[in-house]
Amino acid sequence: MSQAEQTAMRIGLNDELAGQAAGLTVPDLFLQQVRLRPNDVAITVAASGATCAYAALNGRVNQLAHALRGLGIQRGERVAILAENRPEYVELVMAAAKLGAIVCCQNWRQAEGELTHCIRLTTPRLAIVSPTHAGIFSRIDHGVPRTVLLGEEYEAMLAAQPSTEPPLAALPEDGLLIIYTSGTTGLPKGAMISHRAEIARMQTARIDLGLQPGEAFPAWPPMFHMASTDQAISVLCTGGKVIVMEGADPAQMAKVVAEEQLWWLILMPGMIDQLSAELRERRVQPKGVRLIGAMADLVPLHQIAEITALLQAPYLNTFGATETGLPPATGSQIPIGVVPERLSKQVSSQATFRLVDAEDNDVPDGTPGELAMRGATLFSGYWNNPEANEKDFRGGWFHMGDMFVRNPDGSLDFVDRVKYLIKSGGENIYPAEIERVLLSDERVDDAIIVRKKDEKWGEVPVAFVARNDDSLTAEELIARCRAELAGYKRPKEIHFVAVEDLPRSTTGKIQRHEVEKWLQR
């Protein structure tokens, strides 16, 4: 008899019953808020001003859950959604949560081949599609047997169903979402996120980011991305309001800032200067913002100081991922009006980590190592991709593919992605080291380092820089790099480009591999 079995016998409680009693899922927490605040606004649409209270939202969620059951959607079945940000997105997530079904969040920015791959990867039984994206969906070979179009068809489907509570079928480890990761080095992978992970992500939001009942979250990033979907779930399970926005509209954001008590206004690289200009022009007085920003490493430092002063809120120094949520290192904030001298990160409360070398040996402080993480916010693996799961979860730790250095005080400095190294004359160069120096010049709006083949050194770093002052010269930037970096790390070329020409992912990150292609023209 095992130790666990002996312990269970002494306690006298059946393991299965204990597991059921300990289980908690997303709809359990959502229904708490429905009972506590039935008439409080749960969702508002920024463009129209339309609102939906918690009780009304739950009624529509129940109608959708009954409709999905009638279409054969059971626990573990997948439902794809291809739609812009809209309230029905949230309705589907909560309805699936009650059934134990999994929502596959499709990226409408993908090319037809990528979209076909992502849908067929997860073999959904049903697709819910908005009229905006019905054209591309009809053109691809998606293999989905049933489609429901948002609008009249969707509303008629709900109207035919009761608003009574369906039986809750989900268990904590059941999948709730599949969100697709970046495909810069191949086709996208589908990261499955469970109820357990979403609840842990909500706990992190409350503990580390101070999320409180009654606070609002502007869901402007695409809901096929964790930046919106994770936070929307956390807010609705805490008693706040989700403000549905269709993209980063500076004028609409300024209006929201003036009228709403906000928890976290996510800001991505490449949009901050536009929002700052809008806030200055309108002379906006924020009603109240707890936190702003994301990915401080990719933002010019002077922009951080300016936007925090305009919004009177600290900048969140984040480091997380689709697979991990806000952890492992979203535990620090940059004070209002401060140009940060360093961007060291504090470890999140719901995570533990190691920094390891290529053989999974721990590295000492001051030495770059890949971050391997454990924690309840972790996803459950990549859908139908055992090879990637075996590699990335080796040794019982999730390996993120990101290099960090641990400082003596326990903080972490981001170095770069493992897979994008510049190997120059036997030395490893991480592009982010150089980008950080370039972005520290207030005349630089954005910068990206890529590798270029070189007969002597093998590879050398090359910079593409977007400047806001035409008097800035390449020589000045080279001099700055010379003062702060080892000689082999200095960019061998600097090309000036318009900031709007820099290709970006849906999270605002410049797509390094796309920029690298510019050198082949």
Protein backbone atom coordinates (compact mmCIF):
# COMPACT_ATOMS: atom_id res chain seq x y z
CA MET A 1 0.00 0.00 0.00
CA SER A 2 1.38 3.40 -0.98
CA GLN A 3 1.98 6.22 1.47
CA ALA A 4 -0.86 8.19 -0.12
CA GLU A 5 -3.25 5.24 0.30
CA GLN A 6 -2.22 4.79 3.93
CA THR A 7 -2.81 8.48 4.59
CA ALA A 8 -6.22 8.31 2.90
CA MET A 9 -7.20 5.34 5.08
CA ARG A 10 -6.19 7.17 8.27
CA ILE A 11 -8.18 10.24 7.22
CA GLY A 12 -11.10 8.10 6.20
CA LEU A 13 -12.08 10.18 3.15
CA ASN A 14 -12.42 8.88 -0.38
CA ASP A 15 -9.86 10.52 -2.71
CA GLU A 16 -12.43 11.03 -5.46
CA LEU A 17 -14.89 12.74 -3.12
CA ALA A 18 -12.13 14.91 -1.70
CA GLY A 19 -11.07 15.87 -5.21
CA GLN A 20 -14.62 16.84 -6.13
CA ALA A 21 -14.98 18.99 -3.02
CA ALA A 22 -11.66 20.72 -3.70
CA GLY A 23 -12.51 21.42 -7.32
CA LEU A 24 -13.24 24.98 -8.47
CA THR A 25 -13.97 26.12 -12.02
CA VAL A 26 -14.45 29.44 -13.80
CA PRO A 27 -18.27 29.31 -13.83
CA ASP A 28 -18.31 28.75 -10.05
CA LEU A 29 -16.60 32.12 -9.57
CA PHE A 30 -18.61 33.86 -12.26
CA LEU A 31 -21.90 32.71 -10.71
CA GLN A 32 -20.78 34.09 -7.35
CA GLN A 33 -20.61 37.53 -8.94
CA VAL A 34 -23.97 37.03 -10.67
CA ARG A 35 -25.58 36.40 -7.28
CA LEU A 36 -23.70 39.22 -5.52
CA ARG A 37 -24.25 41.96 -8.11
CA PRO A 38 -26.98 40.93 -10.58
CA ASN A 39 -27.70 44.52 -11.66
CA ASP A 40 -24.10 45.74 -11.92
CA VAL A 41 -22.74 46.23 -15.42
CA ALA A 42 -20.64 43.26 -16.53
CA ILE A 43 -19.95 44.29 -20.13
CA THR A 44 -20.12 47.58 -21.97
CA VAL A 45 -19.35 48.24 -25.63
CA ALA A 46 -17.18 51.32 -25.96
CA ALA A 47 -18.32 52.24 -29.48
CA SER A 48 -22.07 52.14 -28.84
CA GLY A 49 -22.36 52.52 -25.09
CA ALA A 50 -24.52 49.37 -24.90
CA THR A 51 -24.33 47.58 -21.54
CA CYS A 52 -25.22 44.17 -20.12
CA ALA A 53 -25.64 43.50 -16.39
CA TYR A 54 -24.37 40.35 -14.68
CA ALA A 55 -27.80 38.68 -14.45
CA ALA A 56 -28.63 39.47 -18.08
CA LEU A 57 -25.24 38.25 -19.25
CA ASN A 58 -25.66 35.01 -17.33
CA GLY A 59 -29.08 34.51 -18.92
CA ARG A 60 -27.61 34.80 -22.41
CA VAL A 61 -24.69 32.54 -21.42
CA ASN A 62 -27.19 29.90 -20.26
CA GLN A 63 -29.19 30.16 -23.48
CA LEU A 64 -26.00 29.67 -25.47
CA ALA A 65 -24.95 26.72 -23.31
CA HIS A 66 -28.30 24.99 -23.92
CA ALA A 67 -27.99 25.70 -27.65
CA LEU A 68 -24.48 24.27 -27.76
CA ARG A 69 -25.62 21.13 -25.94
CA GLY A 70 -28.39 20.76 -28.49
CA LEU A 71 -25.76 20.86 -31.24
CA GLY A 72 -23.83 18.03 -29.59
CA ILE A 73 -21.18 20.09 -27.80
CA GLN A 74 -20.17 18.12 -24.72
CA ARG A 75 -17.33 18.18 -22.24
CA GLY A 76 -14.02 18.19 -24.09
CA GLU A 77 -15.52 19.18 -27.47
CA ARG A 78 -14.03 22.18 -29.27
CA VAL A 79 -15.83 25.24 -30.60
CA ALA A 80 -13.92 27.63 -32.86
CA ILE A 81 -14.62 31.36 -32.91
CA LEU A 82 -13.48 33.71 -35.67
CA ALA A 83 -14.61 37.18 -34.70
CA GLU A 84 -13.48 40.66 -33.79
CA ASN A 85 -13.87 41.81 -30.17
CA ARG A 86 -17.55 41.75 -29.26
CA PRO A 87 -19.70 40.68 -26.26
CA GLU A 88 -20.58 37.34 -27.87
CA TYR A 89 -16.93 36.34 -27.48
CA VAL A 90 -17.30 36.54 -23.70
CA GLU A 91 -20.67 34.77 -23.85
CA LEU A 92 -19.11 31.84 -25.69
CA VAL A 93 -16.21 31.52 -23.24
CA MET A 94 -18.56 31.42 -20.25
CA ALA A 95 -21.03 29.04 -21.93
CA ALA A 96 -18.22 26.66 -22.85
CA ALA A 97 -16.90 26.94 -19.29
CA LYS A 98 -20.21 25.64 -17.95
CA LEU A 99 -20.26 22.71 -20.39
CA GLY A 100 -16.58 21.77 -20.03
CA ALA A 101 -16.08 22.59 -23.73
CA ILE A 102 -13.00 24.29 -25.17
CA VAL A 103 -13.05 27.57 -27.14
CA CYS A 104 -10.48 27.73 -29.96
CA CYS A 105 -9.72 31.43 -30.43
CA GLN A 106 -8.85 32.03 -34.08
CA ASN A 107 -6.53 34.81 -35.16
CA TRP A 108 -8.30 36.71 -37.95
CA ARG A 109 -5.02 38.39 -38.94
CA GLN A 110 -3.53 35.13 -40.17
CA ALA A 111 -3.08 34.14 -43.77
CA GLU A 112 -5.52 31.58 -45.13
CA GLY A 113 -3.04 28.73 -44.85
CA GLU A 114 -2.23 29.50 -41.21
CA LEU A 115 -5.90 29.83 -40.32
CA THR A 116 -6.69 26.52 -42.01
CA HIS A 117 -3.90 24.86 -40.01
CA CYS A 118 -5.11 26.28 -36.68
CA ILE A 119 -8.71 25.23 -37.17
CA ARG A 120 -7.97 21.75 -38.47
CA LEU A 121 -5.41 21.19 -35.68
CA THR A 122 -8.15 21.24 -33.03
CA THR A 123 -10.98 19.60 -35.06
CA PRO A 124 -13.84 21.74 -33.70
CA ARG A 125 -17.40 20.46 -34.04
CA LEU A 126 -18.79 23.98 -34.42
CA ALA A 127 -17.54 27.39 -35.57
CA ILE A 128 -19.03 30.73 -34.57
CA VAL A 129 -18.09 33.37 -37.14
CA SER A 130 -18.75 37.09 -37.43
CA PRO A 131 -19.99 38.59 -40.71
CA THR A 132 -16.72 40.52 -40.95
CA HIS A 133 -14.73 37.29 -41.30
CA ALA A 134 -17.31 35.05 -42.96
CA GLY A 135 -15.66 35.53 -46.36
CA ILE A 136 -12.26 34.10 -45.46
CA PHE A 137 -13.88 31.33 -43.44
CA SER A 138 -15.94 30.23 -46.43
CA ARG A 139 -12.84 30.16 -48.67
CA ILE A 140 -10.67 27.88 -46.54
CA ASP A 141 -10.85 24.10 -46.15
CA HIS A 142 -11.63 24.22 -42.41
CA GLY A 143 -13.41 20.88 -42.04
CA VAL A 144 -15.90 22.20 -39.46
CA PRO A 145 -19.29 20.49 -39.87
CA ARG A 146 -21.49 23.31 -38.52
CA THR A 147 -21.19 27.11 -38.59
CA VAL A 148 -23.26 29.75 -36.80
CA LEU A 149 -23.06 33.33 -38.04
CA LEU A 150 -23.11 36.07 -35.41
CA GLY A 151 -26.06 38.39 -35.78
CA GLU A 152 -29.56 37.19 -36.66
CA GLU A 153 -28.69 33.47 -36.77
CA TYR A 154 -26.91 33.60 -33.41
CA GLU A 155 -29.70 35.61 -31.76
CA ALA A 156 -32.38 33.27 -33.10
CA MET A 157 -30.44 30.30 -31.74
CA LEU A 158 -30.33 31.87 -28.27
CA ALA A 159 -33.99 32.97 -28.33
CA ALA A 160 -35.10 29.37 -28.81
CA GLN A 161 -33.47 28.28 -25.55
CA PRO A 162 -34.31 28.70 -21.84
CA SER A 163 -32.16 30.90 -19.59
CA THR A 164 -32.11 28.33 -16.76
CA GLU A 165 -28.80 27.09 -15.41
CA PRO A 166 -27.40 24.09 -17.28
CA PRO A 167 -25.64 21.37 -15.28
CA LEU A 168 -22.01 22.42 -14.67
CA ALA A 169 -19.88 19.71 -16.28
CA ALA A 170 -16.32 21.10 -16.17
CA LEU A 171 -13.54 19.91 -13.87
CA PRO A 172 -10.56 22.06 -12.83
CA GLU A 173 -8.09 20.42 -15.24
CA ASP A 174 -10.47 20.55 -18.20
CA GLY A 175 -9.44 22.85 -21.02
CA LEU A 176 -11.29 26.14 -21.42
CA LEU A 177 -9.32 27.95 -24.13
CA ILE A 178 -6.94 27.12 -26.92
CA ILE A 179 -4.92 30.20 -27.84
CA TYR A 180 -2.42 29.97 -30.66
CA THR A 181 1.19 30.95 -30.12
CA SER A 182 3.37 32.89 -32.51
CA GLY A 183 4.37 31.10 -35.67
CA THR A 184 7.61 32.97 -36.41
CA THR A 185 9.62 29.74 -36.49
CA GLY A 186 6.92 27.50 -37.94
CA LEU A 187 3.17 26.98 -37.89
CA PRO A 188 1.35 28.21 -34.76
CA LYS A 189 0.88 25.83 -31.82
CA GLY A 190 -2.37 25.62 -29.86
CA ALA A 191 -1.81 26.25 -26.15
CA MET A 192 -4.58 24.69 -24.04
CA ILE A 193 -5.45 26.67 -20.92
CA SER A 194 -7.47 24.98 -18.18
CA HIS A 195 -9.94 26.25 -15.59
CA ARG A 196 -7.24 25.71 -12.96
CA ALA A 197 -4.83 27.91 -14.88
CA GLU A 198 -7.40 30.67 -15.44
CA ILE A 199 -8.31 30.76 -11.75
CA ALA A 200 -4.63 30.93 -10.81
CA ARG A 201 -4.19 33.78 -13.31
CA MET A 202 -7.09 35.60 -11.64
CA GLN A 203 -5.43 35.09 -8.25
CA THR A 204 -2.22 36.58 -9.64
CA ALA A 205 -4.16 39.57 -10.98
CA ARG A 206 -5.66 40.18 -7.56
CA ILE A 207 -2.53 39.56 -5.48
CA ASP A 208 0.13 41.16 -7.67
CA LEU A 209 -1.88 43.67 -9.70
CA GLY A 210 -4.46 44.70 -7.10
CA LEU A 211 -7.59 43.88 -9.14
CA GLN A 212 -10.69 44.90 -7.13
CA PRO A 213 -14.47 44.47 -7.59
CA GLY A 214 -15.97 47.36 -9.53
CA GLU A 215 -12.87 48.16 -11.56
CA ALA A 216 -13.03 48.11 -15.35
CA PHE A 217 -10.78 46.52 -17.93
CA PRO A 218 -10.62 47.91 -21.49
CA ALA A 219 -10.46 44.80 -23.67
CA TRP A 220 -8.95 46.38 -26.77
CA PRO A 221 -6.27 43.76 -27.66
CA PRO A 222 -7.74 41.01 -29.86
CA MET A 223 -9.64 38.45 -27.80
CA PHE A 224 -7.79 35.67 -29.59
CA HIS A 225 -4.87 36.82 -27.43
CA MET A 226 -4.42 36.19 -23.71
CA ALA A 227 -3.92 39.92 -23.06
CA SER A 228 -7.68 40.43 -23.40
CA THR A 229 -9.18 37.00 -22.71
CA ASP A 230 -7.31 36.21 -19.48
CA GLN A 231 -8.04 39.64 -18.04
CA ALA A 232 -11.71 39.57 -19.10
CA ILE A 233 -12.20 36.26 -17.27
CA SER A 234 -10.40 37.59 -14.19
CA VAL A 235 -12.49 40.77 -14.11
CA LEU A 236 -15.83 38.96 -14.51
CA CYS A 237 -14.85 36.50 -11.76
CA THR A 238 -14.00 39.44 -9.48
CA GLY A 239 -17.05 41.63 -10.01
CA GLY A 240 -15.66 44.22 -12.41
CA LYS A 241 -16.61 45.50 -15.84
CA VAL A 242 -15.23 44.47 -19.23
CA ILE A 243 -15.18 47.32 -21.74
CA VAL A 244 -15.24 45.73 -25.20
CA MET A 245 -13.21 47.74 -27.70
CA GLU A 246 -12.36 46.86 -31.28
CA GLY A 247 -8.67 47.68 -31.38
CA ALA A 248 -6.36 50.44 -30.21
CA ASP A 249 -8.29 53.59 -31.03
CA PRO A 250 -6.51 56.50 -29.24
CA ALA A 251 -9.61 58.75 -29.25
CA GLN A 252 -11.79 55.99 -27.81
CA MET A 253 -9.14 55.13 -25.23
CA ALA A 254 -8.92 58.76 -24.13
CA LYS A 255 -12.70 58.82 -23.63
CA VAL A 256 -12.60 55.60 -21.59
CA VAL A 257 -9.78 56.96 -19.44
CA ALA A 258 -11.81 60.09 -18.68
CA GLU A 259 -15.04 58.25 -17.83
CA GLU A 260 -14.12 54.92 -16.22
CA GLN A 261 -12.36 53.71 -13.08
CA LEU A 262 -9.82 51.40 -14.68
CA TRP A 263 -7.86 48.50 -13.28
CA TRP A 264 -5.29 47.95 -16.04
CA LEU A 265 -4.98 49.81 -19.31
CA ILE A 266 -2.75 47.56 -21.39
CA LEU A 267 -0.48 49.53 -23.70
CA MET A 268 1.67 47.89 -26.35
CA PRO A 269 4.88 49.10 -28.00
CA GLY A 270 4.20 51.25 -31.03
CA MET A 271 0.97 52.85 -29.78
CA ILE A 272 2.04 54.82 -26.72
CA ASP A 273 3.16 57.96 -28.54
CA GLN A 274 -0.21 58.16 -30.35
CA LEU A 275 -2.16 57.85 -27.12
CA SER A 276 0.07 60.43 -25.41
CA ALA A 277 -0.63 62.90 -28.22
CA GLU A 278 -4.38 62.29 -27.92
CA LEU A 279 -4.34 62.76 -24.14
CA ARG A 280 -2.40 66.00 -24.43
CA GLU A 281 -4.61 67.38 -27.18
CA ARG A 282 -7.82 66.60 -25.29
CA ARG A 283 -6.32 67.59 -21.93
CA VAL A 284 -7.77 64.41 -20.46
CA GLN A 285 -8.09 64.12 -16.69
CA PRO A 286 -8.13 60.39 -15.84
CA LYS A 287 -10.98 59.27 -13.61
CA GLY A 288 -8.58 56.77 -12.10
CA VAL A 289 -6.19 54.13 -13.44
CA ARG A 290 -4.49 51.55 -11.24
CA LEU A 291 -1.91 50.30 -13.78
CA ILE A 292 -0.87 50.88 -17.38
CA GLY A 293 1.45 49.36 -19.93
CA ALA A 294 3.15 46.08 -20.77
CA MET A 295 6.50 44.85 -22.12
CA ALA A 296 8.58 47.77 -20.87
CA ASP A 297 11.71 46.29 -22.46
CA LEU A 298 10.33 47.11 -25.91
CA VAL A 299 9.25 50.69 -25.18
CA PRO A 300 11.44 53.82 -25.48
CA LEU A 301 12.14 54.87 -21.90
CA HIS A 302 11.08 58.49 -22.38
CA GLN A 303 7.67 57.29 -23.56
CA ILE A 304 7.22 55.39 -20.28
CA ALA A 305 7.88 58.53 -18.26
CA GLU A 306 5.52 60.61 -20.38
CA ILE A 307 2.54 58.24 -20.47
CA THR A 308 2.69 57.50 -16.73
CA ALA A 309 2.63 61.23 -16.02
CA LEU A 310 -0.32 61.79 -18.36
CA LEU A 311 -2.36 58.92 -16.92
CA GLN A 312 -1.10 59.28 -13.33
CA ALA A 313 -0.51 55.56 -13.07
CA PRO A 314 2.62 53.38 -12.75
CA TYR A 315 3.85 51.34 -15.72
CA LEU A 316 3.67 47.57 -15.31
CA ASN A 317 7.00 45.91 -16.02
CA THR A 318 5.62 42.65 -17.37
CA PHE A 319 7.03 39.36 -18.44
CA GLY A 320 4.57 36.56 -19.12
CA ALA A 321 3.36 34.45 -22.03
CA THR A 322 0.32 32.72 -23.46
CA GLU A 323 1.56 29.54 -21.81
CA THR A 324 2.20 31.08 -18.38
CA GLY A 325 -0.18 34.02 -17.97
CA LEU A 326 1.16 37.02 -16.06
CA PRO A 327 3.97 35.01 -14.37
CA PRO A 328 6.80 34.37 -14.15
CA ALA A 329 8.04 37.97 -13.78
CA THR A 330 5.24 40.55 -13.68
CA GLY A 331 5.86 41.68 -10.13
CA SER A 332 7.28 45.20 -10.48
CA GLN A 333 6.08 48.65 -11.52
CA ILE A 334 7.83 51.75 -12.87
CA PRO A 335 6.83 54.85 -10.86
CA ILE A 336 4.93 57.78 -12.37
CA GLY A 337 7.03 60.19 -14.42
CA VAL A 338 10.27 58.25 -14.04
CA VAL A 339 12.67 57.41 -16.85
CA PRO A 340 13.81 53.99 -15.57
CA GLU A 341 17.55 53.36 -15.37
CA ARG A 342 17.04 49.60 -15.41
CA LEU A 343 14.17 47.27 -16.23
CA SER A 344 14.86 44.47 -13.78
CA LYS A 345 11.80 42.37 -13.05
CA GLN A 346 10.41 40.92 -9.85
CA VAL A 347 9.17 37.34 -9.79
CA SER A 348 5.38 36.91 -9.66
CA SER A 349 3.81 35.56 -6.50
CA GLN A 350 2.34 32.47 -8.15
CA ALA A 351 5.51 31.12 -9.74
CA THR A 352 8.85 29.53 -9.02
CA PHE A 353 11.66 29.27 -11.54
CA ARG A 354 15.16 28.15 -12.47
CA LEU A 355 17.67 29.58 -14.92
CA VAL A 356 19.36 26.76 -16.79
CA ASP A 357 21.95 26.13 -19.49
CA ALA A 358 21.51 23.95 -22.57
CA GLU A 359 22.01 20.79 -20.44
CA ASP A 360 19.42 21.96 -17.86
CA ASN A 361 22.05 22.74 -15.25
CA ASP A 362 21.38 25.76 -13.04
CA VAL A 363 23.50 28.78 -13.93
CA PRO A 364 25.01 31.15 -11.36
CA ASP A 365 23.89 34.75 -10.83
CA GLY A 366 25.06 37.03 -13.61
CA THR A 367 25.10 34.26 -16.24
CA PRO A 368 22.36 34.10 -18.90
CA GLY A 369 20.14 31.07 -18.60
CA GLU A 370 16.84 29.88 -20.02
CA LEU A 371 13.94 30.44 -17.63
CA ALA A 372 12.15 27.24 -16.60
CA MET A 373 8.99 27.74 -14.56
CA ARG A 374 6.55 25.93 -12.32
CA GLY A 375 3.21 27.29 -11.13
CA ALA A 376 -0.55 26.86 -11.21
CA THR A 377 -0.97 29.48 -13.98
CA LEU A 378 0.76 27.19 -16.49
CA PHE A 379 -1.13 25.90 -19.49
CA SER A 380 -1.74 22.17 -19.98
CA GLY A 381 0.37 21.69 -23.09
CA TYR A 382 0.23 22.19 -26.83
CA TRP A 383 -2.73 20.55 -28.52
CA ASN A 384 -1.77 17.45 -30.49
CA ASN A 385 1.96 18.22 -30.31
CA PRO A 386 3.66 15.60 -28.12
CA GLU A 387 7.14 16.44 -29.44
CA ALA A 388 6.91 20.08 -28.34
CA ASN A 389 5.40 19.10 -25.00
CA GLU A 390 8.13 16.56 -24.25
CA LYS A 391 10.81 19.12 -25.07
CA ASP A 392 9.34 22.14 -23.30
CA PHE A 393 8.13 20.32 -20.15
CA ARG A 394 11.30 18.26 -19.72
CA GLY A 395 12.22 17.50 -16.14
CA GLY A 396 8.84 18.71 -14.88
CA TRP A 397 9.59 22.38 -15.63
CA PHE A 398 8.15 24.46 -18.46
CA HIS A 399 11.02 25.89 -20.48
CA MET A 400 9.99 29.28 -21.87
CA GLY A 401 12.71 29.78 -24.47
CA ASP A 402 13.63 33.14 -22.91
CA MET A 403 17.04 34.01 -21.53
CA PHE A 404 17.40 35.91 -18.25
CA VAL A 405 20.13 36.92 -15.85
CA ARG A 406 19.45 36.74 -12.11
CA ASN A 407 20.82 39.62 -10.07
CA PRO A 408 22.15 39.31 -6.50
CA ASP A 409 18.93 40.90 -5.16
CA GLY A 410 16.82 38.18 -6.80
CA SER A 411 15.48 40.36 -9.61
CA LEU A 412 15.68 39.24 -13.24
CA ASP A 413 16.99 41.00 -16.34
CA PHE A 414 15.59 39.86 -19.68
CA VAL A 415 18.33 39.04 -22.18
CA ASP A 416 16.54 37.69 -25.28
CA ARG A 417 14.91 34.69 -26.90
CA VAL A 418 16.98 31.52 -26.94
CA LYS A 419 16.25 30.91 -30.62
CA TYR A 420 17.38 34.29 -31.93
CA LEU A 421 21.07 34.57 -31.25
CA ILE A 422 23.65 36.45 -33.28
CA LYS A 423 26.85 34.40 -33.28
CA SER A 424 29.65 36.79 -34.11
CA GLY A 425 33.26 35.64 -34.03
CA GLY A 426 32.49 32.97 -31.45
CA GLU A 427 30.54 35.35 -29.19
CA ASN A 428 26.81 35.16 -28.51
CA ILE A 429 24.97 38.46 -28.96
CA TYR A 430 21.40 38.90 -27.70
CA PRO A 431 19.60 41.59 -29.74
CA ALA A 432 17.67 42.96 -26.76
CA GLU A 433 20.92 44.08 -25.14
CA ILE A 434 21.59 46.44 -28.05
CA GLU A 435 17.96 47.50 -28.45
CA ARG A 436 17.84 48.59 -24.83
CA VAL A 437 20.72 51.01 -25.45
CA LEU A 438 19.15 52.41 -28.62
CA LEU A 439 15.76 52.87 -26.94
CA SER A 440 17.33 54.84 -24.11
CA ASP A 441 17.80 57.79 -26.53
CA GLU A 442 14.68 59.96 -26.33
CA ARG A 443 14.96 60.69 -30.05
CA VAL A 444 14.31 57.00 -30.82
CA ASP A 445 10.69 55.85 -31.11
CA ASP A 446 11.54 52.21 -31.78
CA ALA A 447 14.44 49.98 -32.73
CA ILE A 448 15.09 46.40 -33.74
CA ILE A 449 18.33 44.45 -34.13
CA VAL A 450 18.67 41.65 -36.68
CA ARG A 451 21.56 39.48 -37.83
CA LYS A 452 23.40 39.76 -41.12
CA LYS A 453 25.79 37.29 -42.68
CA ASP A 454 29.40 38.42 -42.56
CA GLU A 455 32.42 36.78 -44.23
CA LYS A 456 34.78 37.61 -41.38
CA TRP A 457 32.64 37.22 -38.25
CA GLY A 458 29.93 34.82 -39.47
CA GLU A 459 27.12 37.13 -38.35
CA VAL A 460 26.96 40.75 -37.21
CA PRO A 461 24.17 42.87 -35.66
CA VAL A 462 22.36 45.44 -37.80
CA ALA A 463 19.94 48.05 -36.44
CA PHE A 464 16.71 49.42 -37.90
CA VAL A 465 15.71 52.57 -36.03
CA ALA A 466 12.58 54.74 -36.11
CA ARG A 467 13.48 58.25 -34.94
CA ASN A 468 11.32 61.21 -33.95
CA ASP A 469 14.09 63.73 -34.61
CA ASP A 470 15.69 63.79 -38.07
CA SER A 471 18.84 65.37 -36.64
CA LEU A 472 19.72 62.09 -34.93
CA THR A 473 22.57 60.44 -36.81
CA ALA A 474 23.83 56.90 -37.05
CA GLU A 475 27.18 58.10 -35.72
CA GLU A 476 25.56 59.35 -32.52
CA LEU A 477 23.86 56.02 -31.93
CA ILE A 478 27.06 54.11 -32.63
CA ALA A 479 28.83 56.33 -30.09
CA ARG A 480 26.16 55.56 -27.50
CA CYS A 481 26.57 51.84 -28.14
CA ARG A 482 30.34 52.19 -27.95
CA ALA A 483 30.02 53.73 -24.50
CA GLU A 484 27.68 51.08 -23.12
CA LEU A 485 28.39 47.83 -24.95
CA ALA A 486 31.30 45.55 -25.74
CA GLY A 487 32.82 46.21 -29.14
CA TYR A 488 31.52 43.04 -30.77
CA LYS A 489 27.95 43.98 -29.78
CA ARG A 490 27.91 47.32 -31.55
CA PRO A 491 25.66 47.33 -34.65
CA LYS A 492 27.68 47.34 -37.85
CA GLU A 493 24.93 49.21 -39.75
CA ILE A 494 22.10 51.51 -38.71
CA HIS A 495 19.15 52.02 -41.05
CA PHE A 496 16.50 54.66 -40.33
CA VAL A 497 12.89 53.67 -41.11
CA ALA A 498 9.41 55.06 -40.45
CA VAL A 499 7.86 53.67 -37.28
CA GLU A 500 4.69 52.66 -39.15
CA ASP A 501 6.76 50.52 -41.55
CA LEU A 502 7.99 48.21 -38.79
CA PRO A 503 6.04 44.91 -39.06
CA ARG A 504 4.36 43.97 -35.79
CA SER A 505 2.64 40.98 -34.27
CA THR A 506 -0.78 41.22 -32.64
CA THR A 507 0.94 41.99 -29.31
CA GLY A 508 2.82 44.96 -30.76
CA LYS A 509 6.19 43.22 -30.93
CA ILE A 510 8.27 43.96 -34.00
CA GLN A 511 8.59 40.81 -36.07
CA ARG A 512 12.33 40.31 -36.16
CA HIS A 513 12.31 37.66 -38.85
CA GLU A 514 10.32 39.90 -41.18
CA VAL A 515 12.76 42.77 -40.69
CA GLU A 516 15.66 40.42 -41.32
CA LYS A 517 14.23 39.79 -44.79
CA TRP A 518 14.81 43.48 -45.60
CA LEU A 519 18.54 42.75 -45.71
CA GLN A 520 17.96 40.26 -48.53
CA ARG A 521 16.32 42.78 -50.86
